[in-house]
Amino acid sequence: ILAYSIVKEAFEIIEERTKKNPIQVLVDALVNAGPREEVVRLKYGGIAVPRAVDTSSLRRLDIALRNIAEGARIASFKSKKTIAECLAEEIISAANNDNRSYAISKKEEVERVAKSAR
């Protein structure tokens, strides 16, 4: 029930700031925050070799949700802002593809590592 009220309050803040449907802003944030490629470790002759692989759509969604929630938690820790305000900011910045968003920066980092492992 606490999580529901936090998300509801965050959606109200998003609607107030962006004047858009908060569900659409969340969908845009999830699309932008999901990594398209990631790295797995394969063993070739006893040697672990990093290998870039495409990420499935469900895993992209899970990672995006996890990173958005983690970014909001990190931003609200030892801060005067409420968790709902931090969640709203994280979703808005992820929807705008802003690098200040924790979720977007994590996605960029994962894709950069995958690019080097090709």
PDB file of N, CA and C in Angstrom:
ATOM      1  N   ILE A   1       0.835  -1.184   0.000  1.00  0.00           N
ATOM      2  CA  ILE A   1       0.000   0.000   0.000  1.00  0.00           C
ATOM      3  C   ILE A   1       0.882   1.250   0.000  1.00  0.00           C
ATOM      4  N   LEU A   2       2.020   1.191   0.682  1.00  0.00           N
ATOM      5  CA  LEU A   2       2.939   2.320   0.691  1.00  0.00           C
ATOM      6  C   LEU A   2       3.513   2.558  -0.705  1.00  0.00           C
ATOM      7  N   ALA A   3       3.901   1.484  -1.378  1.00  0.00           N
ATOM      8  CA  ALA A   3       4.458   1.613  -2.728  1.00  0.00           C
ATOM      9  C   ALA A   3       3.414   2.193  -3.683  1.00  0.00           C
ATOM     10  N   TYR A   4       2.171   1.765  -3.538  1.00  0.00           N
ATOM     11  CA  TYR A   4       1.091   2.279  -4.387  1.00  0.00           C
ATOM     12  C   TYR A   4       0.931   3.783  -4.204  1.00  0.00           C
ATOM     13  N   SER A   5       0.956   4.241  -2.958  1.00  0.00           N
ATOM     14  CA  SER A   5       0.778   5.676  -2.702  1.00  0.00           C
ATOM     15  C   SER A   5       1.975   6.480  -3.211  1.00  0.00           C
ATOM     16  N   ILE A   6       3.187   5.907  -3.136  1.00  0.00           N
ATOM     17  CA  ILE A   6       4.374   6.590  -3.653  1.00  0.00           C
ATOM     18  C   ILE A   6       4.262   6.765  -5.163  1.00  0.00           C
ATOM     19  N   VAL A   7       3.885   5.695  -5.866  1.00  0.00           N
ATOM     20  CA  VAL A   7       3.763   5.756  -7.329  1.00  0.00           C
ATOM     21  C   VAL A   7       2.634   6.707  -7.726  1.00  0.00           C
ATOM     22  N   LYS A   8       1.526   6.666  -6.996  1.00  0.00           N
ATOM     23  CA  LYS A   8       0.399   7.557  -7.297  1.00  0.00           C
ATOM     24  C   LYS A   8       0.809   9.019  -7.141  1.00  0.00           C
ATOM     25  N   GLU A   9       1.519   9.325  -6.068  1.00  0.00           N
ATOM     26  CA  GLU A   9       1.986  10.694  -5.838  1.00  0.00           C
ATOM     27  C   GLU A   9       3.007  11.111  -6.906  1.00  0.00           C
ATOM     28  N   ALA A  10       3.877  10.178  -7.299  1.00  0.00           N
ATOM     29  CA  ALA A  10       4.865  10.469  -8.350  1.00  0.00           C
ATOM     30  C   ALA A  10       4.165  10.760  -9.674  1.00  0.00           C
ATOM     31  N   PHE A  11       3.112  10.001  -9.982  1.00  0.00           N
ATOM     32  CA  PHE A  11       2.365  10.236 -11.220  1.00  0.00           C
ATOM     33  C   PHE A  11       1.684  11.603 -11.199  1.00  0.00           C
ATOM     34  N   GLU A  12       1.179  12.022 -10.038  1.00  0.00           N
ATOM     35  CA  GLU A  12       0.568  13.347  -9.925  1.00  0.00           C
ATOM     36  C   GLU A  12       1.609  14.444 -10.159  1.00  0.00           C
ATOM     37  N   ILE A  13       2.818  14.247  -9.630  1.00  0.00           N
ATOM     38  CA  ILE A  13       3.902  15.215  -9.834  1.00  0.00           C
ATOM     39  C   ILE A  13       4.288  15.266 -11.311  1.00  0.00           C
ATOM     40  N   ILE A  14       4.374  14.094 -11.952  1.00  0.00           N
ATOM     41  CA  ILE A  14       4.732  14.027 -13.377  1.00  0.00           C
ATOM     42  C   ILE A  14       3.699  14.770 -14.213  1.00  0.00           C
ATOM     43  N   GLU A  15       2.416  14.539 -13.925  1.00  0.00           N
ATOM     44  CA  GLU A  15       1.354  15.202 -14.692  1.00  0.00           C
ATOM     45  C   GLU A  15       1.401  16.716 -14.493  1.00  0.00           C
ATOM     46  N   GLU A  16       1.698  17.133 -13.264  1.00  0.00           N
ATOM     47  CA  GLU A  16       1.772  18.558 -12.952  1.00  0.00           C
ATOM     48  C   GLU A  16       2.943  19.226 -13.684  1.00  0.00           C
ATOM     49  N   ARG A  17       4.090  18.552 -13.755  1.00  0.00           N
ATOM     50  CA  ARG A  17       5.288  19.149 -14.367  1.00  0.00           C
ATOM     51  C   ARG A  17       5.298  19.074 -15.884  1.00  0.00           C
ATOM     52  N   THR A  18       4.845  17.952 -16.445  1.00  0.00           N
ATOM     53  CA  THR A  18       4.976  17.765 -17.897  1.00  0.00           C
ATOM     54  C   THR A  18       3.699  18.063 -18.661  1.00  0.00           C
ATOM     55  N   LYS A  19       2.571  18.117 -17.975  1.00  0.00           N
ATOM     56  CA  LYS A  19       1.257  18.309 -18.620  1.00  0.00           C
ATOM     57  C   LYS A  19       0.961  17.197 -19.626  1.00  0.00           C
ATOM     58  N   LYS A  20       1.528  16.003 -19.387  1.00  0.00           N
ATOM     59  CA  LYS A  20       1.287  14.837 -20.238  1.00  0.00           C
ATOM     60  C   LYS A  20       0.715  13.717 -19.385  1.00  0.00           C
ATOM     61  N   ASN A  21       0.224  12.680 -20.061  1.00  0.00           N
ATOM     62  CA  ASN A  21      -0.265  11.496 -19.373  1.00  0.00           C
ATOM     63  C   ASN A  21       0.921  10.812 -18.682  1.00  0.00           C
ATOM     64  N   PRO A  22       0.883  10.618 -17.357  1.00  0.00           N
ATOM     65  CA  PRO A  22       2.029  10.024 -16.658  1.00  0.00           C
ATOM     66  C   PRO A  22       2.331   8.591 -17.098  1.00  0.00           C
ATOM     67  N   ILE A  23       1.315   7.855 -17.541  1.00  0.00           N
ATOM     68  CA  ILE A  23       1.556   6.491 -18.024  1.00  0.00           C
ATOM     69  C   ILE A  23       2.400   6.536 -19.295  1.00  0.00           C
ATOM     70  N   GLN A  24       2.109   7.497 -20.185  1.00  0.00           N
ATOM     71  CA  GLN A  24       2.895   7.629 -21.417  1.00  0.00           C
ATOM     72  C   GLN A  24       4.324   8.053 -21.103  1.00  0.00           C
ATOM     73  N   VAL A  25       4.494   8.927 -20.118  1.00  0.00           N
ATOM     74  CA  VAL A  25       5.841   9.346 -19.710  1.00  0.00           C
ATOM     75  C   VAL A  25       6.606   8.148 -19.156  1.00  0.00           C
ATOM     76  N   LEU A  26       5.931   7.296 -18.371  1.00  0.00           N
ATOM     77  CA  LEU A  26       6.569   6.087 -17.833  1.00  0.00           C
ATOM     78  C   LEU A  26       6.960   5.136 -18.958  1.00  0.00           C
ATOM     79  N   VAL A  27       6.083   4.953 -19.935  1.00  0.00           N
ATOM     80  CA  VAL A  27       6.388   4.073 -21.071  1.00  0.00           C
ATOM     81  C   VAL A  27       7.598   4.602 -21.837  1.00  0.00           C
ATOM     82  N   ASP A  28       7.649   5.913 -22.072  1.00  0.00           N
ATOM     83  CA  ASP A  28       8.800   6.511 -22.753  1.00  0.00           C
ATOM     84  C   ASP A  28      10.079   6.291 -21.948  1.00  0.00           C
ATOM     85  N   ALA A  29       9.979   6.438 -20.623  1.00  0.00           N
ATOM     86  CA  ALA A  29      11.146   6.232 -19.760  1.00  0.00           C
ATOM     87  C   ALA A  29      11.624   4.786 -19.830  1.00  0.00           C
ATOM     88  N   LEU A  30      10.688   3.832 -19.834  1.00  0.00           N
ATOM     89  CA  LEU A  30      11.063   2.419 -19.895  1.00  0.00           C
ATOM     90  C   LEU A  30      11.711   2.075 -21.235  1.00  0.00           C
ATOM     91  N   VAL A  31      11.191   2.657 -22.317  1.00  0.00           N
ATOM     92  CA  VAL A  31      11.779   2.411 -23.640  1.00  0.00           C
ATOM     93  C   VAL A  31      13.200   2.964 -23.690  1.00  0.00           C
ATOM     94  N   ASN A  32      13.404   4.158 -23.133  1.00  0.00           N
ATOM     95  CA  ASN A  32      14.723   4.787 -23.179  1.00  0.00           C
ATOM     96  C   ASN A  32      15.723   4.146 -22.223  1.00  0.00           C
ATOM     97  N   ALA A  33      15.252   3.583 -21.104  1.00  0.00           N
ATOM     98  CA  ALA A  33      16.161   3.090 -20.062  1.00  0.00           C
ATOM     99  C   ALA A  33      16.535   1.624 -20.217  1.00  0.00           C
ATOM    100  N   GLY A  34      15.916   0.906 -21.149  1.00  0.00           N
ATOM    101  CA  GLY A  34      16.225  -0.515 -21.314  1.00  0.00           C
ATOM    102  C   GLY A  34      17.426  -0.734 -22.216  1.00  0.00           C
ATOM    103  N   PRO A  35      18.455  -1.450 -21.742  1.00  0.00           N
ATOM    104  CA  PRO A  35      19.632  -1.694 -22.592  1.00  0.00           C
ATOM    105  C   PRO A  35      19.311  -2.658 -23.729  1.00  0.00           C
ATOM    106  N   ARG A  36      19.803  -2.363 -24.923  1.00  0.00           N
ATOM    107  CA  ARG A  36      19.549  -3.215 -26.081  1.00  0.00           C
ATOM    108  C   ARG A  36      20.537  -4.370 -26.166  1.00  0.00           C
ATOM    109  N   GLU A  37      21.706  -4.193 -25.537  1.00  0.00           N
ATOM    110  CA  GLU A  37      22.766  -5.185 -25.608  1.00  0.00           C
ATOM    111  C   GLU A  37      23.412  -5.293 -24.239  1.00  0.00           C
ATOM    112  N   GLU A  38      23.852  -6.493 -23.875  1.00  0.00           N
ATOM    113  CA  GLU A  38      24.600  -6.658 -22.637  1.00  0.00           C
ATOM    114  C   GLU A  38      25.654  -7.740 -22.811  1.00  0.00           C
ATOM    115  N   VAL A  39      26.416  -8.005 -21.771  1.00  0.00           N
ATOM    116  CA  VAL A  39      27.560  -8.910 -21.862  1.00  0.00           C
ATOM    117  C   VAL A  39      27.292 -10.171 -21.057  1.00  0.00           C
ATOM    118  N   VAL A  40      27.628 -11.327 -21.642  1.00  0.00           N
ATOM    119  CA  VAL A  40      27.650 -12.590 -20.906  1.00  0.00           C
ATOM    120  C   VAL A  40      29.076 -13.121 -20.953  1.00  0.00           C
ATOM    121  N   ARG A  41      29.409 -13.996 -20.014  1.00  0.00           N
ATOM    122  CA  ARG A  41      30.751 -14.562 -19.985  1.00  0.00           C
ATOM    123  C   ARG A  41      30.679 -16.009 -20.455  1.00  0.00           C
ATOM    124  N   LEU A  42      31.399 -16.294 -21.521  1.00  0.00           N
ATOM    125  CA  LEU A  42      31.456 -17.647 -22.066  1.00  0.00           C
ATOM    126  C   LEU A  42      32.818 -18.240 -21.753  1.00  0.00           C
ATOM    127  N   LYS A  43      32.857 -19.549 -21.499  1.00  0.00           N
ATOM    128  CA  LYS A  43      34.133 -20.216 -21.237  1.00  0.00           C
ATOM    129  C   LYS A  43      34.595 -20.923 -22.491  1.00  0.00           C
ATOM    130  N   TYR A  44      35.760 -20.544 -22.963  1.00  0.00           N
ATOM    131  CA  TYR A  44      36.413 -21.198 -24.094  1.00  0.00           C
ATOM    132  C   TYR A  44      37.723 -21.784 -23.594  1.00  0.00           C
ATOM    133  N   GLY A  45      37.796 -23.094 -23.462  1.00  0.00           N
ATOM    134  CA  GLY A  45      39.036 -23.744 -23.048  1.00  0.00           C
ATOM    135  C   GLY A  45      39.537 -23.282 -21.700  1.00  0.00           C
ATOM    136  N   GLY A  46      38.636 -23.083 -20.754  1.00  0.00           N
ATOM    137  CA  GLY A  46      39.030 -22.671 -19.413  1.00  0.00           C
ATOM    138  C   GLY A  46      39.225 -21.171 -19.265  1.00  0.00           C
ATOM    139  N   ILE A  47      39.021 -20.410 -20.332  1.00  0.00           N
ATOM    140  CA  ILE A  47      39.182 -18.959 -20.278  1.00  0.00           C
ATOM    141  C   ILE A  47      37.800 -18.322 -20.415  1.00  0.00           C
ATOM    142  N   ALA A  48      37.459 -17.436 -19.486  1.00  0.00           N
ATOM    143  CA  ALA A  48      36.173 -16.734 -19.550  1.00  0.00           C
ATOM    144  C   ALA A  48      36.307 -15.560 -20.510  1.00  0.00           C
ATOM    145  N   VAL A  49      35.472 -15.547 -21.546  1.00  0.00           N
ATOM    146  CA  VAL A  49      35.525 -14.508 -22.571  1.00  0.00           C
ATOM    147  C   VAL A  49      34.209 -13.731 -22.549  1.00  0.00           C
ATOM    148  N   PRO A  50      34.267 -12.391 -22.412  1.00  0.00           N
ATOM    149  CA  PRO A  50      33.020 -11.622 -22.477  1.00  0.00           C
ATOM    150  C   PRO A  50      32.475 -11.597 -23.900  1.00  0.00           C
ATOM    151  N   ARG A  51      31.156 -11.727 -24.028  1.00  0.00           N
ATOM    152  CA  ARG A  51      30.527 -11.773 -25.348  1.00  0.00           C
ATOM    153  C   ARG A  51      29.268 -10.901 -25.320  1.00  0.00           C
ATOM    154  N   ALA A  52      29.111 -10.022 -26.284  1.00  0.00           N
ATOM    155  CA  ALA A  52      27.937  -9.156 -26.361  1.00  0.00           C
ATOM    156  C   ALA A  52      26.753  -9.934 -26.924  1.00  0.00           C
ATOM    157  N   VAL A  53      25.595  -9.812 -26.286  1.00  0.00           N
ATOM    158  CA  VAL A  53      24.375 -10.471 -26.752  1.00  0.00           C
ATOM    159  C   VAL A  53      23.227  -9.458 -26.714  1.00  0.00           C
ATOM    160  N   ASP A  54      22.226  -9.681 -27.566  1.00  0.00           N
ATOM    161  CA  ASP A  54      21.028  -8.851 -27.546  1.00  0.00           C
ATOM    162  C   ASP A  54      20.211  -9.177 -26.300  1.00  0.00           C
ATOM    163  N   THR A  55      19.540  -8.174 -25.763  1.00  0.00           N
ATOM    164  CA  THR A  55      18.723  -8.348 -24.572  1.00  0.00           C
ATOM    165  C   THR A  55      17.273  -8.573 -24.987  1.00  0.00           C
ATOM    166  N   SER A  56      16.617  -9.556 -24.374  1.00  0.00           N
ATOM    167  CA  SER A  56      15.216  -9.816 -24.697  1.00  0.00           C
ATOM    168  C   SER A  56      14.350  -8.660 -24.198  1.00  0.00           C
ATOM    169  N   SER A  57      13.188  -8.514 -24.790  1.00  0.00           N
ATOM    170  CA  SER A  57      12.325  -7.374 -24.468  1.00  0.00           C
ATOM    171  C   SER A  57      11.850  -7.409 -23.015  1.00  0.00           C
ATOM    172  N   LEU A  58      11.549  -8.593 -22.486  1.00  0.00           N
ATOM    173  CA  LEU A  58      11.101  -8.685 -21.097  1.00  0.00           C
ATOM    174  C   LEU A  58      12.231  -8.326 -20.137  1.00  0.00           C
ATOM    175  N   ARG A  59      13.440  -8.776 -20.437  1.00  0.00           N
ATOM    176  CA  ARG A  59      14.592  -8.441 -19.591  1.00  0.00           C
ATOM    177  C   ARG A  59      14.893  -6.939 -19.671  1.00  0.00           C
ATOM    178  N   ARG A  60      14.748  -6.345 -20.862  1.00  0.00           N
ATOM    179  CA  ARG A  60      14.945  -4.896 -20.999  1.00  0.00           C
ATOM    180  C   ARG A  60      13.990  -4.145 -20.080  1.00  0.00           C
ATOM    181  N   LEU A  61      12.734  -4.585 -20.063  1.00  0.00           N
ATOM    182  CA  LEU A  61      11.724  -3.953 -19.217  1.00  0.00           C
ATOM    183  C   LEU A  61      12.079  -4.111 -17.739  1.00  0.00           C
ATOM    184  N   ASP A  62      12.485  -5.330 -17.338  1.00  0.00           N
ATOM    185  CA  ASP A  62      12.850  -5.588 -15.946  1.00  0.00           C
ATOM    186  C   ASP A  62      14.037  -4.731 -15.511  1.00  0.00           C
ATOM    187  N   ILE A  63      15.062  -4.665 -16.361  1.00  0.00           N
ATOM    188  CA  ILE A  63      16.252  -3.880 -16.027  1.00  0.00           C
ATOM    189  C   ILE A  63      15.901  -2.399 -15.940  1.00  0.00           C
ATOM    190  N   ALA A  64      15.079  -1.912 -16.864  1.00  0.00           N
ATOM    191  CA  ALA A  64      14.687  -0.500 -16.855  1.00  0.00           C
ATOM    192  C   ALA A  64      13.920  -0.157 -15.576  1.00  0.00           C
ATOM    193  N   LEU A  65      12.958  -0.998 -15.195  1.00  0.00           N
ATOM    194  CA  LEU A  65      12.196  -0.759 -13.964  1.00  0.00           C
ATOM    195  C   LEU A  65      13.108  -0.779 -12.741  1.00  0.00           C
ATOM    196  N   ARG A  66      14.014  -1.754 -12.702  1.00  0.00           N
ATOM    197  CA  ARG A  66      14.933  -1.879 -11.565  1.00  0.00           C
ATOM    198  C   ARG A  66      15.828  -0.645 -11.458  1.00  0.00           C
ATOM    199  N   ASN A  67      16.365  -0.179 -12.595  1.00  0.00           N
ATOM    200  CA  ASN A  67      17.271   0.968 -12.565  1.00  0.00           C
ATOM    201  C   ASN A  67      16.548   2.267 -12.231  1.00  0.00           C
ATOM    202  N   ILE A  68      15.306   2.422 -12.688  1.00  0.00           N
ATOM    203  CA  ILE A  68      14.540   3.623 -12.342  1.00  0.00           C
ATOM    204  C   ILE A  68      14.248   3.643 -10.838  1.00  0.00           C
ATOM    205  N   ALA A  69      13.844   2.501 -10.283  1.00  0.00           N
ATOM    206  CA  ALA A  69      13.572   2.422  -8.847  1.00  0.00           C
ATOM    207  C   ALA A  69      14.847   2.638  -8.036  1.00  0.00           C
ATOM    208  N   GLU A  70      15.949   2.049  -8.490  1.00  0.00           N
ATOM    209  CA  GLU A  70      17.233   2.207  -7.800  1.00  0.00           C
ATOM    210  C   GLU A  70      17.692   3.667  -7.833  1.00  0.00           C
ATOM    211  N   GLY A  71      17.527   4.317  -8.975  1.00  0.00           N
ATOM    212  CA  GLY A  71      17.904   5.726  -9.089  1.00  0.00           C
ATOM    213  C   GLY A  71      17.094   6.615  -8.162  1.00  0.00           C
ATOM    214  N   ALA A  72      15.804   6.335  -8.043  1.00  0.00           N
ATOM    215  CA  ALA A  72      14.955   7.112  -7.136  1.00  0.00           C
ATOM    216  C   ALA A  72      15.360   6.869  -5.687  1.00  0.00           C
ATOM    217  N   ARG A  73      15.689   5.629  -5.358  1.00  0.00           N
ATOM    218  CA  ARG A  73      16.098   5.296  -3.990  1.00  0.00           C
ATOM    219  C   ARG A  73      17.411   5.990  -3.635  1.00  0.00           C
ATOM    220  N   ILE A  74      18.363   5.967  -4.564  1.00  0.00           N
ATOM    221  CA  ILE A  74      19.659   6.609  -4.328  1.00  0.00           C
ATOM    222  C   ILE A  74      19.488   8.122  -4.190  1.00  0.00           C
ATOM    223  N   ALA A  75      18.634   8.718  -5.035  1.00  0.00           N
ATOM    224  CA  ALA A  75      18.436  10.171  -5.005  1.00  0.00           C
ATOM    225  C   ALA A  75      17.756  10.628  -3.716  1.00  0.00           C
ATOM    226  N   SER A  76      16.867   9.809  -3.151  1.00  0.00           N
ATOM    227  CA  SER A  76      16.140  10.231  -1.953  1.00  0.00           C
ATOM    228  C   SER A  76      16.904   9.925  -0.671  1.00  0.00           C
ATOM    229  N   PHE A  77      17.940   9.109  -0.758  1.00  0.00           N
ATOM    230  CA  PHE A  77      18.709   8.743   0.431  1.00  0.00           C
ATOM    231  C   PHE A  77      19.482   9.963   0.928  1.00  0.00           C
ATOM    232  N   LYS A  78      19.343  10.286   2.218  1.00  0.00           N
ATOM    233  CA  LYS A  78      19.982  11.450   2.840  1.00  0.00           C
ATOM    234  C   LYS A  78      19.650  12.738   2.088  1.00  0.00           C
ATOM    235  N   SER A  79      18.394  12.860   1.677  1.00  0.00           N
ATOM    236  CA  SER A  79      17.932  14.033   0.943  1.00  0.00           C
ATOM    237  C   SER A  79      16.636  14.525   1.575  1.00  0.00           C
ATOM    238  N   LYS A  80      16.359  15.804   1.392  1.00  0.00           N
ATOM    239  CA  LYS A  80      15.111  16.342   1.931  1.00  0.00           C
ATOM    240  C   LYS A  80      13.929  16.043   1.031  1.00  0.00           C
ATOM    241  N   LYS A  81      14.202  15.616  -0.207  1.00  0.00           N
ATOM    242  CA  LYS A  81      13.122  15.282  -1.134  1.00  0.00           C
ATOM    243  C   LYS A  81      12.483  13.957  -0.726  1.00  0.00           C
ATOM    244  N   THR A  82      11.187  13.848  -0.999  1.00  0.00           N
ATOM    245  CA  THR A  82      10.507  12.587  -0.727  1.00  0.00           C
ATOM    246  C   THR A  82      10.844  11.588  -1.830  1.00  0.00           C
ATOM    247  N   ILE A  83      10.570  10.316  -1.561  1.00  0.00           N
ATOM    248  CA  ILE A  83      10.833   9.273  -2.554  1.00  0.00           C
ATOM    249  C   ILE A  83       9.946   9.481  -3.781  1.00  0.00           C
ATOM    250  N   ALA A  84       8.737   9.999  -3.590  1.00  0.00           N
ATOM    251  CA  ALA A  84       7.839  10.238  -4.726  1.00  0.00           C
ATOM    252  C   ALA A  84       8.391  11.332  -5.640  1.00  0.00           C
ATOM    253  N   GLU A  85       8.940  12.396  -5.055  1.00  0.00           N
ATOM    254  CA  GLU A  85       9.537  13.460  -5.865  1.00  0.00           C
ATOM    255  C   GLU A  85      10.737  12.936  -6.644  1.00  0.00           C
ATOM    256  N   CYS A  86      11.566  12.139  -5.979  1.00  0.00           N
ATOM    257  CA  CYS A  86      12.748  11.578  -6.643  1.00  0.00           C
ATOM    258  C   CYS A  86      12.345  10.605  -7.746  1.00  0.00           C
ATOM    259  N   LEU A  87      11.305   9.803  -7.504  1.00  0.00           N
ATOM    260  CA  LEU A  87      10.820   8.869  -8.522  1.00  0.00           C
ATOM    261  C   LEU A  87      10.278   9.637  -9.728  1.00  0.00           C
ATOM    262  N   ALA A  88       9.530  10.696  -9.477  1.00  0.00           N
ATOM    263  CA  ALA A  88       8.991  11.510 -10.573  1.00  0.00           C
ATOM    264  C   ALA A  88      10.121  12.132 -11.388  1.00  0.00           C
ATOM    265  N   GLU A  89      11.140  12.668 -10.714  1.00  0.00           N
ATOM    266  CA  GLU A  89      12.284  13.259 -11.423  1.00  0.00           C
ATOM    267  C   GLU A  89      13.015  12.215 -12.256  1.00  0.00           C
ATOM    268  N   GLU A  90      13.209  11.032 -11.683  1.00  0.00           N
ATOM    269  CA  GLU A  90      13.916   9.954 -12.389  1.00  0.00           C
ATOM    270  C   GLU A  90      13.137   9.533 -13.639  1.00  0.00           C
ATOM    271  N   ILE A  91      11.823   9.389 -13.516  1.00  0.00           N
ATOM    272  CA  ILE A  91      10.999   8.980 -14.659  1.00  0.00           C
ATOM    273  C   ILE A  91      11.009  10.061 -15.739  1.00  0.00           C
ATOM    274  N   ILE A  92      10.881  11.325 -15.339  1.00  0.00           N
ATOM    275  CA  ILE A  92      10.870  12.419 -16.318  1.00  0.00           C
ATOM    276  C   ILE A  92      12.208  12.508 -17.039  1.00  0.00           C
ATOM    277  N   SER A  93      13.306  12.427 -16.298  1.00  0.00           N
ATOM    278  CA  SER A  93      14.617  12.542 -16.950  1.00  0.00           C
ATOM    279  C   SER A  93      14.912  11.327 -17.816  1.00  0.00           C
ATOM    280  N   ALA A  94      14.438  10.138 -17.424  1.00  0.00           N
ATOM    281  CA  ALA A  94      14.616   8.951 -18.268  1.00  0.00           C
ATOM    282  C   ALA A  94      13.761   9.066 -19.529  1.00  0.00           C
ATOM    283  N   ALA A  95      12.573   9.631 -19.407  1.00  0.00           N
ATOM    284  CA  ALA A  95      11.707   9.809 -20.577  1.00  0.00           C
ATOM    285  C   ALA A  95      12.312  10.809 -21.557  1.00  0.00           C
ATOM    286  N   ASN A  96      13.053  11.799 -21.033  1.00  0.00           N
ATOM    287  CA  ASN A  96      13.708  12.796 -21.884  1.00  0.00           C
ATOM    288  C   ASN A  96      15.084  12.337 -22.348  1.00  0.00           C
ATOM    289  N   ASN A  97      15.479  11.116 -21.997  1.00  0.00           N
ATOM    290  CA  ASN A  97      16.782  10.540 -22.376  1.00  0.00           C
ATOM    291  C   ASN A  97      17.930  11.405 -21.849  1.00  0.00           C
ATOM    292  N   ASP A  98      17.772  11.884 -20.627  1.00  0.00           N
ATOM    293  CA  ASP A  98      18.752  12.764 -19.997  1.00  0.00           C
ATOM    294  C   ASP A  98      19.801  11.923 -19.272  1.00  0.00           C
ATOM    295  N   ASN A  99      21.081  12.232 -19.479  1.00  0.00           N
ATOM    296  CA  ASN A  99      22.151  11.448 -18.864  1.00  0.00           C
ATOM    297  C   ASN A  99      22.245  11.643 -17.357  1.00  0.00           C
ATOM    298  N   ARG A 100      21.557  12.628 -16.799  1.00  0.00           N
ATOM    299  CA  ARG A 100      21.557  12.793 -15.342  1.00  0.00           C
ATOM    300  C   ARG A 100      20.721  11.713 -14.667  1.00  0.00           C
ATOM    301  N   SER A 101      19.896  11.023 -15.428  1.00  0.00           N
ATOM    302  CA  SER A 101      19.091   9.928 -14.900  1.00  0.00           C
ATOM    303  C   SER A 101      19.988   8.722 -14.629  1.00  0.00           C
ATOM    304  N   TYR A 102      19.816   8.112 -13.460  1.00  0.00           N
ATOM    305  CA  TYR A 102      20.600   6.930 -13.094  1.00  0.00           C
ATOM    306  C   TYR A 102      20.346   5.801 -14.080  1.00  0.00           C
ATOM    307  N   ALA A 103      19.086   5.594 -14.455  1.00  0.00           N
ATOM    308  CA  ALA A 103      18.728   4.491 -15.358  1.00  0.00           C
ATOM    309  C   ALA A 103      19.368   4.666 -16.730  1.00  0.00           C
ATOM    310  N   ILE A 104      19.379   5.883 -17.246  1.00  0.00           N
ATOM    311  CA  ILE A 104      19.976   6.137 -18.563  1.00  0.00           C
ATOM    312  C   ILE A 104      21.489   5.962 -18.498  1.00  0.00           C
ATOM    313  N   SER A 105      22.115   6.444 -17.419  1.00  0.00           N
ATOM    314  CA  SER A 105      23.569   6.301 -17.316  1.00  0.00           C
ATOM    315  C   SER A 105      23.971   4.835 -17.182  1.00  0.00           C
ATOM    316  N   LYS A 106      23.180   4.033 -16.453  1.00  0.00           N
ATOM    317  CA  LYS A 106      23.470   2.593 -16.351  1.00  0.00           C
ATOM    318  C   LYS A 106      23.307   1.909 -17.702  1.00  0.00           C
ATOM    319  N   LYS A 107      22.261   2.282 -18.450  1.00  0.00           N
ATOM    320  CA  LYS A 107      22.043   1.701 -19.778  1.00  0.00           C
ATOM    321  C   LYS A 107      23.218   2.018 -20.690  1.00  0.00           C
ATOM    322  N   GLU A 108      23.664   3.276 -20.681  1.00  0.00           N
ATOM    323  CA  GLU A 108      24.802   3.681 -21.512  1.00  0.00           C
ATOM    324  C   GLU A 108      26.051   2.894 -21.133  1.00  0.00           C
ATOM    325  N   GLU A 109      26.252   2.697 -19.833  1.00  0.00           N
ATOM    326  CA  GLU A 109      27.427   1.952 -19.361  1.00  0.00           C
ATOM    327  C   GLU A 109      27.390   0.500 -19.832  1.00  0.00           C
ATOM    328  N   VAL A 110      26.233  -0.160 -19.699  1.00  0.00           N
ATOM    329  CA  VAL A 110      26.093  -1.560 -20.118  1.00  0.00           C
ATOM    330  C   VAL A 110      26.301  -1.689 -21.621  1.00  0.00           C
ATOM    331  N   GLU A 111      25.724  -0.777 -22.396  1.00  0.00           N
ATOM    332  CA  GLU A 111      25.872  -0.841 -23.852  1.00  0.00           C
ATOM    333  C   GLU A 111      27.306  -0.540 -24.286  1.00  0.00           C
ATOM    334  N   ARG A 112      28.004   0.340 -23.543  1.00  0.00           N
ATOM    335  CA  ARG A 112      29.402   0.642 -23.867  1.00  0.00           C
ATOM    336  C   ARG A 112      30.282  -0.582 -23.619  1.00  0.00           C
ATOM    337  N   VAL A 113      30.045  -1.291 -22.501  1.00  0.00           N
ATOM    338  CA  VAL A 113      30.798  -2.513 -22.203  1.00  0.00           C
ATOM    339  C   VAL A 113      30.504  -3.574 -23.256  1.00  0.00           C
ATOM    340  N   ALA A 114      29.237  -3.690 -23.671  1.00  0.00           N
ATOM    341  CA  ALA A 114      28.866  -4.682 -24.689  1.00  0.00           C
ATOM    342  C   ALA A 114      29.510  -4.352 -26.030  1.00  0.00           C
ATOM    343  N   LYS A 115      29.601  -3.064 -26.348  1.00  0.00           N
ATOM    344  CA  LYS A 115      30.222  -2.673 -27.614  1.00  0.00           C
ATOM    345  C   LYS A 115      31.699  -3.050 -27.631  1.00  0.00           C
ATOM    346  N   SER A 116      32.363  -2.906 -26.489  1.00  0.00           N
ATOM    347  CA  SER A 116      33.783  -3.256 -26.434  1.00  0.00           C
ATOM    348  C   SER A 116      33.995  -4.767 -26.450  1.00  0.00           C
ATOM    349  N   ALA A 117      32.957  -5.550 -26.115  1.00  0.00           N
ATOM    350  CA  ALA A 117      33.083  -7.012 -26.061  1.00  0.00           C
ATOM    351  C   ALA A 117      32.670  -7.687 -27.360  1.00  0.00           C
ATOM    352  N   ARG A 118      32.314  -6.918 -28.380  1.00  0.00           N
ATOM    353  CA  ARG A 118      31.881  -7.514 -29.647  1.00  0.00           C
ATOM    354  C   ARG A 118      33.001  -8.267 -30.312  1.00  0.00           C
TER     355      ARG A 118
END
